[in-house]
Amino acid sequence: MSTYKLIIKLLSDTTFGRGDGVAGLIDQEVEHDSSGFPYLRGRTLKGLLSEECDNLIAVLPENIRSDWENVACRLFGIPGSSLKTIGEMHVGDACFPDDLREVVAWQIKNQELTDKEVLNSLTTVRRQTAINYQTCVADKGSLRSFRVVIRALEFKADLLFENQPNDELLSLLAVSTLALRRMGSGRNRGRGHVQCTLHDASEQDITHRYANLFG
């Protein structure tokens, strides 16, 4: 088993939305665990990387595009894949460090902290409204509140391979990692600006080393 890590640094406030809110308090809540730590599901992260990968391959010259499409299928799999055609990479959830989460979970168990305190220390609530372009005032009933993860925080996700990936797989993964600059709800409205880097098992940054091999 070969392990790599994807490190995500938030350059702006970000909402890892879970699709619901808290009645009477917030319209859109962030995904968080039982200790109150926000996280991004591995399945969602893999989908974001795959989307960026497809966008990059689409602009390649036709004479090499099909070769890289095959590499992408090996890396991410294809929709509806069977066990024989599943992607070689498994993406774990993007979380805070394990040791931090373990310590905080112990404190919560011993009633030194609560999950709400943890969540509130790492997030804040933002509000926005729609403005009527004719009257230049807020549309009635358009006020919405949403929780955001505070900028400058970092998340790590494990990238697992059953066998050691070759340079082609790692180069495609590296450029997809660099291309991933927006994520979460509101990523087209100024939120969710991120910087992603690829690291080996010893946490050395290998992003540019393999990105230079692409194409």
Protein backbone atom coordinates (compact mmCIF):
# COMPACT_ATOMS: atom_id res chain seq x y z
CA MET A 1 0.00 0.00 0.00
CA SER A 2 1.39 3.41 -1.05
CA THR A 3 0.19 6.51 0.76
CA TYR A 4 0.30 10.13 -0.39
CA LYS A 5 -1.28 13.19 1.16
CA LEU A 6 -3.24 16.08 -0.25
CA ILE A 7 -2.94 19.24 1.85
CA ILE A 8 -5.63 21.88 1.43
CA LYS A 9 -4.99 25.39 2.75
CA LEU A 10 -7.99 27.68 2.88
CA LEU A 11 -7.19 31.07 1.34
CA SER A 12 -10.70 32.34 2.00
CA ASP A 13 -13.63 31.37 4.20
CA THR A 14 -15.07 28.11 2.89
CA THR A 15 -18.31 26.17 3.30
CA PHE A 16 -18.10 22.39 3.11
CA GLY A 17 -21.87 22.23 2.84
CA ARG A 18 -23.83 19.21 3.98
CA GLY A 19 -27.09 20.22 2.29
CA ASP A 20 -29.12 21.34 5.31
CA GLY A 21 -29.19 23.91 8.07
CA VAL A 22 -30.28 24.37 11.68
CA ALA A 23 -33.88 25.50 12.03
CA GLY A 24 -34.15 29.05 13.32
CA LEU A 25 -30.38 29.52 13.40
CA ILE A 26 -28.64 28.92 10.08
CA ASP A 27 -29.70 28.08 6.54
CA GLN A 28 -26.56 26.16 5.53
CA GLU A 29 -24.42 24.18 7.94
CA VAL A 30 -20.92 22.85 7.29
CA GLU A 31 -20.10 19.15 7.34
CA HIS A 32 -18.57 18.31 10.74
CA ASP A 33 -17.87 15.24 12.84
CA SER A 34 -19.12 14.32 16.31
CA SER A 35 -16.39 16.43 17.94
CA GLY A 36 -17.31 19.53 15.95
CA PHE A 37 -14.39 19.39 13.50
CA PRO A 38 -15.29 20.45 9.94
CA TYR A 39 -14.19 18.08 7.18
CA LEU A 40 -14.62 17.41 3.47
CA ARG A 41 -15.79 13.97 2.39
CA GLY A 42 -13.29 11.96 0.38
CA ARG A 43 -15.87 11.16 -2.26
CA THR A 44 -16.50 14.88 -2.82
CA LEU A 45 -12.78 15.65 -2.94
CA LYS A 46 -12.18 12.89 -5.48
CA GLY A 47 -14.98 14.30 -7.64
CA LEU A 48 -13.43 17.78 -7.54
CA LEU A 49 -10.01 16.43 -8.54
CA SER A 50 -11.55 14.37 -11.34
CA GLU A 51 -13.41 17.42 -12.65
CA GLU A 52 -10.21 19.47 -12.81
CA CYS A 53 -8.44 16.56 -14.46
CA ASP A 54 -11.09 16.36 -17.20
CA ASN A 55 -10.81 20.11 -17.81
CA LEU A 56 -7.03 19.86 -18.23
CA ILE A 57 -7.18 16.88 -20.59
CA ALA A 58 -9.83 18.57 -22.73
CA VAL A 59 -7.36 21.27 -23.84
CA LEU A 60 -4.51 18.89 -24.72
CA PRO A 61 -3.55 18.32 -28.38
CA GLU A 62 -5.58 15.53 -29.96
CA ASN A 63 -2.52 13.36 -30.60
CA ILE A 64 -1.88 12.88 -26.87
CA ARG A 65 -5.34 13.47 -25.40
CA SER A 66 -6.52 9.84 -25.60
CA ASP A 67 -3.38 8.61 -23.82
CA TRP A 68 -4.01 10.92 -20.88
CA GLU A 69 -7.71 10.01 -20.86
CA ASN A 70 -6.64 6.40 -20.28
CA VAL A 71 -4.37 7.50 -17.44
CA ALA A 72 -7.28 9.43 -15.91
CA CYS A 73 -9.50 6.33 -16.07
CA ARG A 74 -6.81 4.35 -14.25
CA LEU A 75 -6.44 7.06 -11.61
CA PHE A 76 -10.07 7.96 -10.93
CA GLY A 77 -12.03 5.11 -12.50
CA ILE A 78 -15.05 5.61 -14.73
CA PRO A 79 -18.72 6.20 -13.84
CA GLY A 80 -20.41 2.96 -12.97
CA SER A 81 -17.08 1.14 -12.71
CA SER A 82 -16.97 -2.47 -11.61
CA LEU A 83 -14.29 -3.94 -9.34
CA LYS A 84 -12.17 -4.53 -12.44
CA THR A 85 -12.35 -0.91 -13.66
CA ILE A 86 -12.40 1.01 -10.39
CA GLY A 87 -9.79 3.77 -10.02
CA GLU A 88 -6.41 2.92 -8.53
CA MET A 89 -6.62 5.82 -6.05
CA HIS A 90 -8.75 5.85 -2.92
CA VAL A 91 -9.32 9.33 -1.43
CA GLY A 92 -9.88 9.70 2.29
CA ASP A 93 -11.75 12.51 4.03
CA ALA A 94 -9.93 15.85 4.30
CA CYS A 95 -9.64 16.44 8.04
CA PHE A 96 -7.63 18.11 10.76
CA PRO A 97 -4.63 16.11 12.11
CA ASP A 98 -5.49 12.85 13.88
CA ASP A 99 -3.59 13.70 17.07
CA LEU A 100 -5.49 16.98 17.47
CA ARG A 101 -8.85 15.28 16.95
CA GLU A 102 -7.96 12.53 19.43
CA VAL A 103 -6.99 15.01 22.15
CA VAL A 104 -10.14 17.07 21.64
CA ALA A 105 -12.33 13.94 21.61
CA TRP A 106 -10.80 12.98 24.98
CA GLN A 107 -11.55 16.47 26.36
CA ILE A 108 -15.13 16.27 25.14
CA LYS A 109 -15.54 12.85 26.72
CA ASN A 110 -14.30 14.30 30.03
CA GLN A 111 -16.60 17.31 29.67
CA GLU A 112 -13.75 19.80 29.38
CA LEU A 113 -15.05 20.93 25.98
CA THR A 114 -18.20 20.59 23.94
CA ASP A 115 -18.54 19.87 20.24
CA LYS A 116 -20.31 23.23 19.83
CA GLU A 117 -17.31 25.07 21.29
CA VAL A 118 -14.97 23.25 18.90
CA LEU A 119 -17.18 24.03 15.90
CA ASN A 120 -17.55 27.70 16.89
CA SER A 121 -13.78 28.09 17.34
CA LEU A 122 -13.09 26.96 13.76
CA THR A 123 -16.03 28.52 11.97
CA THR A 124 -18.15 31.62 11.86
CA VAL A 125 -21.53 32.58 10.42
CA ARG A 126 -21.85 34.84 7.39
CA ARG A 127 -25.01 36.41 6.02
CA GLN A 128 -25.91 37.62 2.56
CA THR A 129 -28.93 38.96 0.76
CA ALA A 130 -30.03 39.54 -2.81
CA ILE A 131 -30.16 43.14 -4.03
CA ASN A 132 -32.84 44.28 -6.47
CA TYR A 133 -30.92 45.90 -9.33
CA GLN A 134 -33.78 48.31 -10.05
CA THR A 135 -34.46 49.59 -6.53
CA CYS A 136 -30.96 48.91 -5.14
CA VAL A 137 -32.45 47.56 -1.92
CA ALA A 138 -32.52 44.03 -0.53
CA ASP A 139 -35.20 41.71 -1.86
CA LYS A 140 -37.72 40.84 0.81
CA GLY A 141 -37.12 37.42 2.35
CA SER A 142 -33.75 36.94 0.61
CA LEU A 143 -31.54 37.07 3.72
CA ARG A 144 -29.61 33.81 4.12
CA SER A 145 -27.08 32.71 6.74
CA PHE A 146 -24.39 30.11 6.26
CA ARG A 147 -21.53 28.76 8.34
CA VAL A 148 -18.00 29.03 6.94
CA VAL A 149 -14.71 27.43 7.94
CA ILE A 150 -12.26 30.22 8.78
CA ARG A 151 -9.52 30.97 6.26
CA ALA A 152 -5.86 29.92 6.77
CA LEU A 153 -6.78 26.55 8.28
CA GLU A 154 -5.33 23.38 6.71
CA PHE A 155 -6.88 20.00 6.00
CA LYS A 156 -5.15 16.74 5.06
CA ALA A 157 -6.53 13.84 3.03
CA ASP A 158 -4.88 10.46 2.56
CA LEU A 159 -4.50 9.24 -1.03
CA LEU A 160 -4.11 5.46 -1.01
CA PHE A 161 -2.84 3.19 -3.80
CA GLU A 162 -2.80 -0.60 -3.64
CA ASN A 163 0.43 -0.57 -5.69
CA GLN A 164 3.10 2.09 -6.20
CA PRO A 165 1.73 4.56 -8.81
CA ASN A 166 3.93 5.29 -11.82
CA ASP A 167 5.11 8.75 -12.93
CA GLU A 168 2.17 9.20 -15.32
CA LEU A 169 -0.41 8.70 -12.59
CA LEU A 170 1.44 10.98 -10.19
CA SER A 171 1.96 13.69 -12.80
CA LEU A 172 -1.75 13.74 -13.65
CA LEU A 173 -2.62 13.80 -9.96
CA ALA A 174 -0.15 16.65 -9.37
CA VAL A 175 -1.55 18.93 -12.09
CA SER A 176 -5.12 18.15 -10.99
CA THR A 177 -4.08 19.12 -7.46
CA LEU A 178 -2.63 22.44 -8.66
CA ALA A 179 -5.75 23.14 -10.73
CA LEU A 180 -8.08 22.67 -7.77
CA ARG A 181 -8.47 26.23 -6.51
CA ARG A 182 -12.15 26.46 -5.59
CA MET A 183 -14.32 24.13 -3.56
CA GLY A 184 -17.40 24.04 -1.39
CA SER A 185 -20.68 25.90 -1.53
CA GLY A 186 -20.42 29.47 -2.79
CA ARG A 187 -17.19 28.82 -4.67
CA ASN A 188 -18.48 31.06 -7.47
CA ARG A 189 -19.37 33.82 -5.00
CA GLY A 190 -15.97 34.51 -3.46
CA ARG A 191 -15.85 31.65 -0.97
CA GLY A 192 -13.85 28.44 -1.13
CA HIS A 193 -10.55 29.75 -2.55
CA VAL A 194 -7.94 27.11 -1.69
CA GLN A 195 -4.35 26.09 -2.35
CA CYS A 196 -3.72 22.36 -2.74
CA THR A 197 -0.41 20.51 -2.69
CA LEU A 198 0.58 16.87 -3.11
CA HIS A 199 2.93 15.26 -0.58
CA ASP A 200 4.59 11.87 -0.23
CA ALA A 201 4.40 9.61 2.83
CA SER A 202 7.11 11.63 4.59
CA GLU A 203 5.10 14.79 3.86
CA GLN A 204 7.61 16.22 1.38
CA ASP A 205 5.95 18.48 -1.19
CA ILE A 206 6.23 16.68 -4.55
CA THR A 207 3.63 18.70 -6.46
CA HIS A 208 5.87 20.54 -8.90
CA ARG A 209 8.30 17.65 -9.29
CA TYR A 210 5.57 15.54 -10.89
CA ALA A 211 3.56 18.37 -12.44
CA ASN A 212 6.54 19.13 -14.68
CA LEU A 213 6.20 15.65 -16.21
CA PHE A 214 2.65 16.23 -17.44
CA GLY A 215 1.98 16.42 -21.17
